[in-house]
Amino acid sequence: SPANVTVSILSTEGDGTATEALLNTVRAVLNAEHTRPVADRLTVQSARIVTWRLNAKLYFYPGPESEPILAAAESSFRKWLAEQGLIG
């Protein structure tokens, strides 16, 4: 039976959708004789991008301490978000 290999590409530009030019470049590299996967059929595709929205409501006690807490929460969220740009 034929062997199938699927390669999903996540771009580092825009929303992560791979352009046709990028997919063609990957196909050309993977189809080269010295790098070809051991398979009959090679499929190169863009990763499926999942869009989402976060709505959060933070509650603070009154006082001047709320601004640094909000800034820390936003910073933590941005750090977490940067780590999520992965396939899988």
Protein backbone atom coordinates (compact mmCIF):
# COMPACT_ATOMS: atom_id res chain seq x y z
CA SER A 1 0.00 0.00 0.00
CA PRO A 2 1.22 3.53 -0.68
CA ALA A 3 2.92 5.50 2.08
CA ASN A 4 1.61 9.01 2.68
CA VAL A 5 3.43 11.87 4.38
CA THR A 6 1.69 15.14 5.23
CA VAL A 7 3.76 18.16 6.21
CA SER A 8 1.93 21.12 7.76
CA ILE A 9 3.64 24.51 7.60
CA LEU A 10 3.04 27.34 10.08
CA SER A 11 4.35 30.64 8.76
CA THR A 12 6.10 33.13 11.04
CA GLU A 13 4.39 35.97 9.19
CA GLY A 14 0.85 37.30 9.40
CA ASP A 15 -1.66 34.99 11.07
CA GLY A 16 0.51 31.92 10.41
CA THR A 17 -1.09 30.84 7.13
CA ALA A 18 1.62 29.64 4.75
CA THR A 19 1.68 31.36 1.37
CA GLU A 20 1.63 29.33 -1.82
CA ALA A 21 5.21 30.48 -2.47
CA LEU A 22 6.32 29.11 0.91
CA LEU A 23 4.50 25.82 0.32
CA ASN A 24 6.15 25.50 -3.11
CA THR A 25 9.58 26.14 -1.57
CA VAL A 26 9.00 23.42 1.04
CA ARG A 27 7.73 21.01 -1.63
CA ALA A 28 10.83 21.63 -3.74
CA VAL A 29 13.17 21.01 -0.81
CA LEU A 30 11.35 17.87 0.36
CA ASN A 31 11.07 16.45 -3.14
CA ALA A 32 14.81 16.75 -3.72
CA GLU A 33 16.45 13.35 -4.08
CA HIS A 34 18.64 13.73 -0.97
CA THR A 35 15.79 14.85 1.35
CA ARG A 36 12.73 13.04 0.04
CA PRO A 37 10.78 11.30 2.80
CA VAL A 38 10.37 7.56 2.39
CA ALA A 39 6.85 7.80 1.01
CA ASP A 40 4.95 7.47 -2.23
CA ARG A 41 2.87 10.58 -1.70
CA LEU A 42 3.99 13.86 -0.16
CA THR A 43 1.42 16.49 0.78
CA VAL A 44 2.58 19.94 1.88
CA GLN A 45 -0.14 22.13 3.33
CA SER A 46 -0.59 25.19 5.48
CA ALA A 47 -1.42 24.61 9.11
CA ARG A 48 -5.07 25.26 9.93
CA ILE A 49 -5.28 28.58 11.75
CA VAL A 50 -7.74 28.75 14.63
CA THR A 51 -8.96 32.23 15.44
CA TRP A 52 -10.30 32.98 18.87
CA ARG A 53 -11.14 35.88 21.15
CA LEU A 54 -10.58 36.30 24.87
CA ASN A 55 -12.91 38.35 27.00
CA ALA A 56 -11.68 38.76 30.55
CA LYS A 57 -12.98 40.72 33.46
CA LEU A 58 -10.58 41.43 36.30
CA TYR A 59 -11.80 42.61 39.68
CA PHE A 60 -9.58 44.73 41.94
CA TYR A 61 -9.91 46.15 45.39
CA PRO A 62 -9.99 49.96 45.31
CA GLY A 63 -6.61 51.65 45.54
CA PRO A 64 -3.50 52.58 43.59
CA GLU A 65 -2.24 48.98 43.48
CA SER A 66 -4.60 48.00 40.66
CA GLU A 67 -2.56 49.56 37.83
CA PRO A 68 0.63 47.50 38.38
CA ILE A 69 -1.47 44.37 38.88
CA LEU A 70 -3.31 45.00 35.60
CA ALA A 71 0.01 45.65 33.82
CA ALA A 72 1.43 42.38 35.21
CA ALA A 73 -1.68 40.46 34.12
CA GLU A 74 -1.45 41.90 30.59
CA SER A 75 2.28 41.13 30.44
CA SER A 76 1.71 37.54 31.57
CA PHE A 77 -1.04 37.11 28.99
CA ARG A 78 1.17 38.47 26.17
CA LYS A 79 3.97 36.11 27.20
CA TRP A 80 1.59 33.13 27.23
CA LEU A 81 0.13 34.19 23.88
CA ALA A 82 3.58 34.37 22.26
CA GLU A 83 4.21 30.77 23.32
CA GLN A 84 0.99 29.54 21.67
CA GLY A 85 2.09 30.05 18.05
CA LEU A 86 2.84 26.36 17.58
CA ILE A 87 1.40 23.50 15.60
CA GLY A 88 -0.46 20.94 17.64
